[in-house]
N, C-alpha and C. Protein backbone atom coordinates (compact mmCIF):
# COMPACT_ATOMS: atom_id res chain seq x y z
N UNK A 1 170.47 189.33 -14.26
CA UNK A 1 169.57 189.36 -13.18
C UNK A 1 168.16 189.40 -13.71
N UNK A 2 167.47 188.61 -13.12
CA UNK A 2 166.08 188.58 -13.57
C UNK A 2 165.24 189.41 -12.63
N UNK A 3 164.38 190.11 -13.17
CA UNK A 3 163.53 190.92 -12.31
C UNK A 3 162.65 190.04 -11.46
N UNK A 4 162.32 190.51 -10.26
CA UNK A 4 161.47 189.72 -9.35
C UNK A 4 160.10 189.61 -9.96
N UNK A 5 159.59 188.41 -9.80
CA UNK A 5 158.25 188.21 -10.36
C UNK A 5 157.23 188.75 -9.38
N UNK A 6 156.33 189.45 -9.85
CA UNK A 6 155.33 190.02 -8.96
C UNK A 6 154.45 188.91 -8.39
N UNK A 7 154.02 189.06 -7.17
CA UNK A 7 153.21 188.05 -6.50
C UNK A 7 151.82 188.09 -7.07
N UNK A 8 151.27 186.90 -7.31
CA UNK A 8 149.94 186.87 -7.86
C UNK A 8 148.89 187.31 -6.84
N UNK A 9 149.26 187.38 -5.53
CA UNK A 9 148.30 187.75 -4.50
C UNK A 9 148.37 189.24 -4.23
N UNK A 10 147.26 189.75 -3.98
CA UNK A 10 147.23 191.15 -3.63
C UNK A 10 147.54 191.29 -2.14
N UNK A 11 147.78 192.48 -1.73
CA UNK A 11 148.11 192.71 -0.31
C UNK A 11 146.94 192.31 0.59
N UNK A 12 145.78 192.56 0.14
CA UNK A 12 144.61 192.21 0.94
C UNK A 12 144.46 190.69 1.08
N UNK A 13 144.71 189.96 0.02
CA UNK A 13 144.62 188.51 0.06
C UNK A 13 145.72 187.95 0.93
N UNK A 14 146.90 188.55 0.82
CA UNK A 14 148.01 188.11 1.64
C UNK A 14 147.70 188.34 3.13
N UNK A 15 147.11 189.44 3.50
CA UNK A 15 146.73 189.74 4.87
C UNK A 15 145.69 188.75 5.38
N UNK A 16 144.71 188.41 4.53
CA UNK A 16 143.72 187.40 4.92
C UNK A 16 144.38 186.05 5.17
N UNK A 17 145.34 185.73 4.30
CA UNK A 17 146.04 184.45 4.45
C UNK A 17 146.82 184.43 5.77
N UNK A 18 147.48 185.49 6.16
CA UNK A 18 148.21 185.56 7.42
C UNK A 18 147.26 185.44 8.61
N UNK A 19 146.08 186.05 8.50
CA UNK A 19 145.10 185.96 9.58
C UNK A 19 144.62 184.52 9.74
N UNK A 20 144.33 183.87 8.62
CA UNK A 20 143.88 182.46 8.70
C UNK A 20 144.97 181.57 9.29
N UNK A 21 146.20 181.82 8.91
CA UNK A 21 147.31 181.01 9.42
C UNK A 21 147.47 181.21 10.93
N UNK A 22 147.38 182.45 11.39
CA UNK A 22 147.52 182.68 12.84
C UNK A 22 146.33 182.12 13.60
N UNK A 23 145.10 182.16 13.01
CA UNK A 23 143.93 181.54 13.67
C UNK A 23 144.12 180.04 13.77
N UNK A 24 144.63 179.43 12.72
CA UNK A 24 144.86 177.98 12.72
C UNK A 24 145.93 177.62 13.76
N UNK A 25 146.97 178.45 13.84
CA UNK A 25 148.02 178.19 14.81
C UNK A 25 147.48 178.29 16.23
N UNK A 26 146.65 179.29 16.53
CA UNK A 26 146.05 179.41 17.86
C UNK A 26 145.15 178.24 18.19
N UNK A 27 144.38 177.78 17.24
CA UNK A 27 143.48 176.66 17.49
C UNK A 27 144.25 175.36 17.69
N UNK A 28 145.47 175.27 17.14
CA UNK A 28 146.29 174.07 17.34
C UNK A 28 146.99 174.07 18.69
N UNK A 29 147.05 175.23 19.38
CA UNK A 29 147.64 175.30 20.72
C UNK A 29 146.50 175.16 21.74
N UNK A 30 146.36 173.98 22.41
CA UNK A 30 145.23 173.78 23.34
C UNK A 30 145.50 174.47 24.68
N UNK A 31 145.31 175.74 24.76
CA UNK A 31 145.54 176.53 25.96
C UNK A 31 144.58 176.11 27.07
N UNK A 32 143.39 175.68 26.76
CA UNK A 32 142.41 175.28 27.78
C UNK A 32 142.88 174.05 28.54
N UNK A 33 143.65 173.15 27.86
CA UNK A 33 144.15 171.96 28.56
C UNK A 33 145.18 172.35 29.62
N UNK A 34 146.02 173.30 29.30
CA UNK A 34 147.02 173.77 30.26
C UNK A 34 146.33 174.45 31.45
N UNK A 35 145.31 175.26 31.16
CA UNK A 35 144.57 175.92 32.23
C UNK A 35 143.86 174.90 33.12
N UNK A 36 143.25 173.89 32.51
CA UNK A 36 142.56 172.85 33.28
C UNK A 36 143.54 172.08 34.15
N UNK A 37 144.71 171.73 33.62
CA UNK A 37 145.72 171.01 34.39
C UNK A 37 146.19 171.86 35.58
N UNK A 38 146.39 173.16 35.36
CA UNK A 38 146.80 174.05 36.44
C UNK A 38 145.73 174.15 37.52
N UNK A 39 144.48 174.22 37.12
CA UNK A 39 143.38 174.29 38.06
C UNK A 39 143.28 173.00 38.88
N UNK A 40 143.42 171.85 38.24
CA UNK A 40 143.38 170.56 38.95
C UNK A 40 144.56 170.47 39.92
N UNK A 41 145.75 170.91 39.51
CA UNK A 41 146.92 170.89 40.39
C UNK A 41 146.69 171.77 41.62
N UNK A 42 146.13 172.96 41.44
CA UNK A 42 145.86 173.86 42.56
C UNK A 42 144.85 173.24 43.53
N UNK A 43 143.80 172.60 42.98
CA UNK A 43 142.81 171.95 43.84
C UNK A 43 143.44 170.79 44.62
N UNK A 44 144.31 170.02 43.96
CA UNK A 44 144.98 168.91 44.64
C UNK A 44 145.91 169.42 45.74
N UNK A 45 146.58 170.52 45.49
CA UNK A 45 147.47 171.10 46.49
C UNK A 45 146.68 171.58 47.72
N UNK A 46 145.54 172.22 47.51
CA UNK A 46 144.70 172.66 48.62
C UNK A 46 144.19 171.45 49.40
N UNK A 47 143.76 170.41 48.71
CA UNK A 47 143.27 169.19 49.37
C UNK A 47 144.38 168.54 50.19
N UNK A 48 145.60 168.49 49.65
CA UNK A 48 146.72 167.89 50.38
C UNK A 48 147.06 168.71 51.62
N UNK A 49 147.04 170.01 51.52
CA UNK A 49 147.32 170.85 52.69
C UNK A 49 146.26 170.68 53.77
N UNK A 50 145.00 170.62 53.37
CA UNK A 50 143.94 170.39 54.36
C UNK A 50 144.12 169.04 55.04
N UNK A 51 144.49 168.03 54.29
CA UNK A 51 144.73 166.71 54.87
C UNK A 51 145.90 166.73 55.84
N UNK A 52 146.92 167.46 55.50
CA UNK A 52 148.09 167.54 56.38
C UNK A 52 147.73 168.24 57.69
N UNK A 53 146.96 169.33 57.61
CA UNK A 53 146.54 170.04 58.83
C UNK A 53 145.63 169.15 59.68
N UNK A 54 144.71 168.42 59.06
CA UNK A 54 143.85 167.50 59.82
C UNK A 54 144.66 166.42 60.50
N UNK A 55 145.66 165.89 59.81
CA UNK A 55 146.52 164.85 60.38
C UNK A 55 147.27 165.40 61.59
N UNK A 56 147.80 166.62 61.47
CA UNK A 56 148.54 167.22 62.57
C UNK A 56 147.62 167.42 63.79
N UNK A 57 146.41 167.90 63.56
CA UNK A 57 145.45 168.08 64.66
C UNK A 57 145.08 166.75 65.30
N UNK A 58 144.90 165.72 64.48
CA UNK A 58 144.57 164.39 65.01
C UNK A 58 145.71 163.83 65.84
N UNK A 59 146.95 164.04 65.41
CA UNK A 59 148.10 163.56 66.18
C UNK A 59 148.21 164.31 67.51
N UNK A 60 147.94 165.60 67.51
CA UNK A 60 147.95 166.36 68.77
C UNK A 60 146.87 165.84 69.72
N UNK A 61 145.68 165.58 69.19
CA UNK A 61 144.60 165.04 70.02
C UNK A 61 144.97 163.66 70.56
N UNK A 62 145.62 162.86 69.73
CA UNK A 62 146.03 161.52 70.17
C UNK A 62 147.07 161.60 71.28
N UNK A 63 148.03 162.50 71.14
CA UNK A 63 149.04 162.66 72.20
C UNK A 63 148.38 163.08 73.51
N UNK A 64 147.42 164.01 73.44
CA UNK A 64 146.72 164.44 74.65
C UNK A 64 145.92 163.31 75.27
N UNK A 65 145.26 162.52 74.43
CA UNK A 65 144.47 161.39 74.94
C UNK A 65 145.38 160.34 75.57
N UNK A 66 146.54 160.10 74.95
CA UNK A 66 147.47 159.11 75.52
C UNK A 66 147.99 159.58 76.88
N UNK A 67 148.27 160.86 76.99
CA UNK A 67 148.74 161.38 78.29
C UNK A 67 147.66 161.21 79.35
N UNK A 68 146.41 161.52 78.99
CA UNK A 68 145.31 161.33 79.93
C UNK A 68 145.09 159.88 80.27
N UNK A 69 145.24 158.99 79.26
CA UNK A 69 145.08 157.56 79.49
C UNK A 69 146.16 157.03 80.42
N UNK A 70 147.40 157.52 80.26
CA UNK A 70 148.46 157.02 81.13
C UNK A 70 148.22 157.44 82.57
N UNK A 71 147.72 158.67 82.79
CA UNK A 71 147.39 159.10 84.15
C UNK A 71 146.26 158.26 84.72
N UNK A 72 145.24 158.02 83.92
CA UNK A 72 144.12 157.20 84.37
C UNK A 72 144.57 155.77 84.66
N UNK A 73 145.45 155.25 83.83
CA UNK A 73 145.95 153.90 84.04
C UNK A 73 146.71 153.81 85.36
N UNK A 74 147.50 154.84 85.69
CA UNK A 74 148.23 154.83 86.96
C UNK A 74 147.27 154.85 88.14
N UNK A 75 146.24 155.68 88.07
CA UNK A 75 145.27 155.75 89.17
C UNK A 75 144.52 154.42 89.30
N UNK A 76 144.12 153.84 88.16
CA UNK A 76 143.40 152.56 88.21
C UNK A 76 144.29 151.44 88.75
N UNK A 77 145.56 151.42 88.36
CA UNK A 77 146.44 150.38 88.89
C UNK A 77 146.65 150.55 90.39
N UNK A 78 146.68 151.80 90.85
CA UNK A 78 146.80 152.05 92.29
C UNK A 78 145.54 151.57 93.02
N UNK A 79 144.39 151.80 92.45
CA UNK A 79 143.14 151.32 93.06
C UNK A 79 143.12 149.80 93.10
N UNK A 80 143.54 149.15 92.01
CA UNK A 80 143.58 147.69 91.99
C UNK A 80 144.56 147.16 93.04
N UNK A 81 145.71 147.84 93.18
CA UNK A 81 146.68 147.41 94.17
C UNK A 81 146.10 147.53 95.58
N UNK A 82 145.31 148.59 95.81
CA UNK A 82 144.72 148.76 97.12
C UNK A 82 143.62 147.73 97.39
N UNK A 83 142.98 147.27 96.35
CA UNK A 83 141.91 146.27 96.53
C UNK A 83 142.47 144.90 96.88
N UNK A 84 143.69 144.62 96.44
CA UNK A 84 144.30 143.33 96.74
C UNK A 84 144.68 143.30 98.23
N UNK A 85 144.44 142.17 98.86
CA UNK A 85 144.80 142.10 100.28
C UNK A 85 146.32 142.13 100.44
N UNK A 86 146.81 142.87 101.42
CA UNK A 86 148.25 142.89 101.65
C UNK A 86 148.74 141.55 102.16
N UNK A 87 150.02 141.31 102.00
CA UNK A 87 150.59 140.03 102.39
C UNK A 87 150.83 140.01 103.90
N UNK A 88 149.75 139.94 104.66
CA UNK A 88 149.89 139.85 106.11
C UNK A 88 149.55 138.46 106.60
N UNK A 89 149.27 137.57 105.69
CA UNK A 89 148.98 136.19 106.08
C UNK A 89 147.52 136.01 106.43
N UNK A 90 147.21 135.88 107.71
CA UNK A 90 145.88 135.54 108.18
C UNK A 90 144.87 136.65 107.85
N UNK A 91 143.66 136.26 107.44
CA UNK A 91 142.62 137.21 107.09
C UNK A 91 141.62 137.42 108.22
N UNK A 92 141.83 136.91 109.36
CA UNK A 92 140.94 137.19 110.48
C UNK A 92 140.24 135.94 110.96
N UNK A 93 139.43 136.07 111.93
CA UNK A 93 139.05 137.28 112.65
C UNK A 93 140.15 137.74 113.60
N UNK A 94 140.10 139.01 113.93
CA UNK A 94 141.11 139.63 114.77
C UNK A 94 140.48 140.09 116.06
N UNK A 95 141.29 140.30 117.08
CA UNK A 95 140.73 140.83 118.33
C UNK A 95 140.17 142.23 118.10
N UNK A 96 139.13 142.61 118.82
CA UNK A 96 138.52 143.93 118.61
C UNK A 96 139.51 145.06 118.91
N UNK A 97 139.37 146.15 118.14
CA UNK A 97 140.20 147.34 118.37
C UNK A 97 139.51 148.21 119.42
N UNK A 98 140.32 148.83 120.26
CA UNK A 98 139.75 149.71 121.28
C UNK A 98 139.32 151.05 120.68
N UNK A 99 140.17 151.64 119.85
CA UNK A 99 139.89 152.97 119.30
C UNK A 99 140.14 153.00 117.79
N UNK A 100 139.31 152.33 117.00
CA UNK A 100 139.58 152.31 115.55
C UNK A 100 139.43 153.67 114.89
N UNK A 101 138.50 154.50 115.38
CA UNK A 101 138.30 155.81 114.76
C UNK A 101 139.50 156.72 115.00
N UNK A 102 140.08 156.64 116.17
CA UNK A 102 141.26 157.43 116.46
C UNK A 102 142.42 157.00 115.58
N UNK A 103 142.55 155.70 115.39
CA UNK A 103 143.63 155.17 114.54
C UNK A 103 143.42 155.57 113.07
N UNK A 104 142.17 155.53 112.61
CA UNK A 104 141.88 155.95 111.23
C UNK A 104 142.19 157.43 111.05
N UNK A 105 141.88 158.26 112.03
CA UNK A 105 142.17 159.70 111.94
C UNK A 105 143.68 159.95 111.97
N UNK A 106 144.38 159.21 112.81
CA UNK A 106 145.85 159.37 112.88
C UNK A 106 146.49 159.04 111.54
N UNK A 107 146.04 157.96 110.90
CA UNK A 107 146.59 157.58 109.59
C UNK A 107 146.20 158.59 108.50
N UNK A 108 145.01 159.18 108.62
CA UNK A 108 144.59 160.21 107.66
C UNK A 108 145.47 161.45 107.79
N UNK A 109 145.75 161.85 109.01
CA UNK A 109 146.61 163.02 109.23
C UNK A 109 148.01 162.75 108.70
N UNK A 110 148.51 161.55 108.93
CA UNK A 110 149.84 161.18 108.45
C UNK A 110 149.89 161.19 106.91
N UNK A 111 148.78 160.86 106.25
CA UNK A 111 148.72 160.85 104.78
C UNK A 111 148.48 162.25 104.20
N UNK A 112 148.30 163.25 105.07
CA UNK A 112 148.15 164.62 104.59
C UNK A 112 146.72 165.09 104.46
N UNK A 113 145.77 164.37 105.04
CA UNK A 113 144.36 164.78 104.97
C UNK A 113 144.02 165.64 106.18
N UNK A 114 143.01 166.48 106.03
CA UNK A 114 142.53 167.30 107.13
C UNK A 114 141.76 166.43 108.11
N UNK A 115 141.27 167.04 109.16
CA UNK A 115 140.48 166.32 110.14
C UNK A 115 139.22 165.78 109.47
N UNK A 116 138.97 164.51 109.68
CA UNK A 116 137.83 163.86 109.05
C UNK A 116 136.61 163.92 109.95
N UNK A 117 135.44 163.95 109.32
CA UNK A 117 134.21 163.80 110.08
C UNK A 117 134.17 162.37 110.60
N UNK A 118 133.54 162.13 111.76
CA UNK A 118 133.49 160.77 112.28
C UNK A 118 132.77 159.84 111.30
N UNK A 119 133.26 158.62 111.19
CA UNK A 119 132.64 157.69 110.24
C UNK A 119 131.34 157.13 110.80
N UNK A 120 130.55 156.58 109.88
CA UNK A 120 129.37 155.81 110.29
C UNK A 120 129.87 154.40 110.58
N UNK A 121 129.75 153.98 111.84
CA UNK A 121 130.26 152.66 112.23
C UNK A 121 129.08 151.71 112.40
N UNK A 122 129.25 150.51 111.87
CA UNK A 122 128.23 149.47 112.03
C UNK A 122 128.91 148.16 112.36
N UNK A 123 128.16 147.33 113.06
CA UNK A 123 128.66 146.01 113.38
C UNK A 123 127.59 145.01 113.01
N UNK A 124 127.99 143.99 112.28
CA UNK A 124 127.04 142.94 111.91
C UNK A 124 127.67 141.59 112.26
N UNK A 125 126.81 140.68 112.64
CA UNK A 125 127.28 139.38 113.07
C UNK A 125 127.42 138.46 111.87
N UNK A 126 128.60 137.87 111.72
CA UNK A 126 128.83 136.89 110.66
C UNK A 126 128.38 135.52 111.15
N UNK A 127 128.81 135.14 112.33
CA UNK A 127 128.30 133.96 113.04
C UNK A 127 128.44 134.24 114.53
N UNK A 128 128.23 133.23 115.39
CA UNK A 128 128.21 133.51 116.82
C UNK A 128 129.56 133.95 117.37
N UNK A 129 130.64 133.67 116.71
CA UNK A 129 131.96 134.03 117.22
C UNK A 129 132.61 135.18 116.45
N UNK A 130 132.09 135.53 115.26
CA UNK A 130 132.74 136.53 114.40
C UNK A 130 131.75 137.62 114.02
N UNK A 131 132.21 138.84 114.10
CA UNK A 131 131.38 139.97 113.65
C UNK A 131 132.20 140.81 112.66
N UNK A 132 131.48 141.53 111.81
CA UNK A 132 132.13 142.41 110.84
C UNK A 132 131.85 143.85 111.26
N UNK A 133 132.90 144.63 111.46
CA UNK A 133 132.76 146.06 111.77
C UNK A 133 133.09 146.85 110.51
N UNK A 134 132.23 147.78 110.18
CA UNK A 134 132.47 148.63 109.01
C UNK A 134 132.49 150.09 109.46
N UNK A 135 133.33 150.85 108.81
CA UNK A 135 133.46 152.28 109.06
C UNK A 135 133.34 152.98 107.71
N UNK A 136 132.30 153.80 107.55
CA UNK A 136 132.03 154.46 106.27
C UNK A 136 132.29 155.95 106.39
N UNK A 137 133.16 156.43 105.53
CA UNK A 137 133.44 157.87 105.41
C UNK A 137 132.83 158.36 104.11
N UNK A 138 132.13 159.45 104.18
CA UNK A 138 131.52 160.06 102.99
C UNK A 138 132.15 161.43 102.75
N UNK A 139 132.39 161.72 101.52
CA UNK A 139 132.88 163.05 101.10
C UNK A 139 134.19 163.47 101.77
N UNK A 140 135.19 162.61 101.72
CA UNK A 140 136.52 162.98 102.16
C UNK A 140 137.16 163.71 100.98
N UNK A 141 137.63 164.94 101.18
CA UNK A 141 138.14 165.76 100.07
C UNK A 141 139.64 165.99 100.21
N UNK A 142 140.29 166.03 99.04
CA UNK A 142 141.72 166.31 98.98
C UNK A 142 142.04 166.83 97.59
N UNK A 143 143.06 167.69 97.44
CA UNK A 143 143.38 168.23 96.12
C UNK A 143 143.86 167.19 95.12
N UNK A 144 144.47 166.10 95.59
CA UNK A 144 144.98 165.10 94.64
C UNK A 144 144.51 163.71 95.05
N UNK A 145 144.32 162.82 94.05
CA UNK A 145 143.91 161.46 94.40
C UNK A 145 145.04 160.69 95.10
N UNK A 146 146.29 161.10 94.91
CA UNK A 146 147.40 160.39 95.53
C UNK A 146 147.31 160.42 97.05
N UNK A 147 146.93 161.58 97.62
CA UNK A 147 146.81 161.68 99.07
C UNK A 147 145.72 160.76 99.62
N UNK A 148 144.60 160.69 98.89
CA UNK A 148 143.50 159.81 99.32
C UNK A 148 143.91 158.35 99.23
N UNK A 149 144.57 157.99 98.13
CA UNK A 149 144.99 156.60 97.96
C UNK A 149 146.09 156.23 98.95
N UNK A 150 146.94 157.19 99.28
CA UNK A 150 147.98 156.96 100.28
C UNK A 150 147.33 156.65 101.64
N UNK A 151 146.24 157.35 101.97
CA UNK A 151 145.53 157.09 103.22
C UNK A 151 144.94 155.68 103.22
N UNK A 152 144.29 155.29 102.11
CA UNK A 152 143.71 153.95 102.04
C UNK A 152 144.79 152.88 102.21
N UNK A 153 145.93 153.10 101.56
CA UNK A 153 147.02 152.14 101.67
C UNK A 153 147.55 152.07 103.10
N UNK A 154 147.70 153.23 103.75
CA UNK A 154 148.23 153.22 105.12
C UNK A 154 147.24 152.57 106.10
N UNK A 155 145.93 152.69 105.84
CA UNK A 155 144.95 152.03 106.71
C UNK A 155 145.08 150.52 106.57
N UNK A 156 145.18 150.03 105.35
CA UNK A 156 145.30 148.58 105.17
C UNK A 156 146.61 148.03 105.73
N UNK A 157 147.66 148.83 105.63
CA UNK A 157 148.95 148.37 106.15
C UNK A 157 149.10 148.62 107.65
N UNK A 158 148.44 149.67 108.16
CA UNK A 158 148.64 150.06 109.55
C UNK A 158 147.69 149.43 110.54
N UNK A 159 146.51 149.02 110.11
CA UNK A 159 145.54 148.38 111.02
C UNK A 159 145.37 146.94 110.55
N UNK A 160 145.82 146.03 111.34
CA UNK A 160 145.80 144.61 110.95
C UNK A 160 144.36 144.16 110.72
N UNK A 161 144.13 143.60 109.56
CA UNK A 161 142.81 143.05 109.23
C UNK A 161 141.84 144.05 108.62
N UNK A 162 142.18 145.33 108.59
CA UNK A 162 141.29 146.34 108.02
C UNK A 162 141.45 146.32 106.50
N UNK A 163 140.32 146.24 105.79
CA UNK A 163 140.32 146.17 104.33
C UNK A 163 139.38 147.22 103.77
N UNK A 164 139.68 147.66 102.55
CA UNK A 164 138.77 148.56 101.84
C UNK A 164 137.68 147.69 101.25
N UNK A 165 136.46 147.95 101.68
CA UNK A 165 135.32 147.16 101.18
C UNK A 165 134.65 147.87 100.00
N UNK A 166 134.60 149.18 100.05
CA UNK A 166 133.93 149.96 99.00
C UNK A 166 134.70 151.26 98.82
N UNK A 167 134.83 151.68 97.57
CA UNK A 167 135.51 152.94 97.28
C UNK A 167 134.82 153.62 96.12
N UNK A 168 134.64 154.93 96.26
CA UNK A 168 134.08 155.76 95.19
C UNK A 168 134.92 157.03 95.14
N UNK A 169 135.79 157.13 94.13
CA UNK A 169 136.70 158.26 93.99
C UNK A 169 136.33 159.01 92.73
N UNK A 170 136.05 160.30 92.86
CA UNK A 170 135.65 161.08 91.69
C UNK A 170 136.15 162.52 91.84
N UNK A 171 136.35 163.19 90.70
CA UNK A 171 136.78 164.59 90.78
C UNK A 171 135.66 165.47 91.30
N UNK A 172 136.03 166.45 92.10
CA UNK A 172 135.07 167.41 92.64
C UNK A 172 135.36 168.75 91.96
N UNK A 173 134.64 169.04 90.89
CA UNK A 173 134.91 170.24 90.08
C UNK A 173 134.59 171.52 90.85
N UNK A 174 133.65 171.46 91.76
CA UNK A 174 133.27 172.67 92.50
C UNK A 174 134.39 173.12 93.44
N UNK A 175 135.16 172.20 93.95
CA UNK A 175 136.20 172.56 94.93
C UNK A 175 137.61 172.30 94.40
N UNK A 176 137.77 172.04 93.12
CA UNK A 176 139.09 171.80 92.52
C UNK A 176 139.87 170.74 93.27
N UNK A 177 139.35 169.57 93.33
CA UNK A 177 140.03 168.48 94.01
C UNK A 177 139.32 167.17 93.75
N UNK A 178 139.47 166.25 94.67
CA UNK A 178 138.89 164.91 94.55
C UNK A 178 138.04 164.63 95.78
N UNK A 179 137.04 163.79 95.58
CA UNK A 179 136.14 163.43 96.67
C UNK A 179 136.09 161.92 96.76
N UNK A 180 136.19 161.42 97.97
CA UNK A 180 136.26 159.98 98.20
C UNK A 180 135.18 159.58 99.19
N UNK A 181 134.49 158.51 98.85
CA UNK A 181 133.61 157.82 99.80
C UNK A 181 134.19 156.42 99.93
N UNK A 182 134.39 155.98 101.16
CA UNK A 182 135.05 154.69 101.37
C UNK A 182 134.42 153.99 102.57
N UNK A 183 134.38 152.66 102.48
CA UNK A 183 133.95 151.84 103.60
C UNK A 183 135.07 150.86 103.92
N UNK A 184 135.54 150.90 105.16
CA UNK A 184 136.54 149.95 105.63
C UNK A 184 135.81 148.84 106.37
N UNK A 185 136.36 147.65 106.27
CA UNK A 185 135.72 146.49 106.92
C UNK A 185 136.77 145.67 107.64
N UNK A 186 136.36 145.09 108.79
CA UNK A 186 137.30 144.25 109.56
C UNK A 186 136.52 143.16 110.26
N UNK A 187 137.00 141.95 110.13
CA UNK A 187 136.39 140.82 110.86
C UNK A 187 137.03 140.76 112.24
N UNK A 188 136.17 140.68 113.27
CA UNK A 188 136.67 140.65 114.63
C UNK A 188 135.98 139.53 115.40
N UNK A 189 136.66 139.07 116.41
CA UNK A 189 136.05 138.06 117.29
C UNK A 189 134.98 138.75 118.14
N UNK A 190 133.86 138.06 118.31
CA UNK A 190 132.78 138.64 119.12
C UNK A 190 133.15 138.56 120.58
N UNK A 191 132.75 139.60 121.34
CA UNK A 191 133.07 139.61 122.77
C UNK A 191 132.08 138.82 123.56
């Protein structure tokens, strides 16, 4: 057996060498790159979550807008339908009505409206044999536009030759309902 050869390095030199080796090993491990990658990943995750929440809010707003648009489209199509002349054939002139205001009130009551204020009635001459009678109602109120439109439809269908000449339908926020201004027109033979 041969005796162990003593190390040429002293304990202090050996300790310095171990310190240098561990410093070199630490410098070869790029810990800052791992930290930077983790930080970038966290920022990307936060950005993706914010985008997802914004997308969800936008889809909710879109659904609400579509629902409002479909209701508006239904009301507008009903107004357009009322503007078209009904299929009654002849457009006039018609014999004069004896009590048009009474008939308009009767149809309003049947459509679910309260008692109406008397309309402003005017008569204008189209030519020597034909005159145009108009009946203007201002501020007719009802909780829903359907009741008002039902009245307009029943007037056109119930009084021969009576047409909606002008309509202004808008929400009445002060009274939680709708407000209608309408002018009916009818061509009649002059007496």
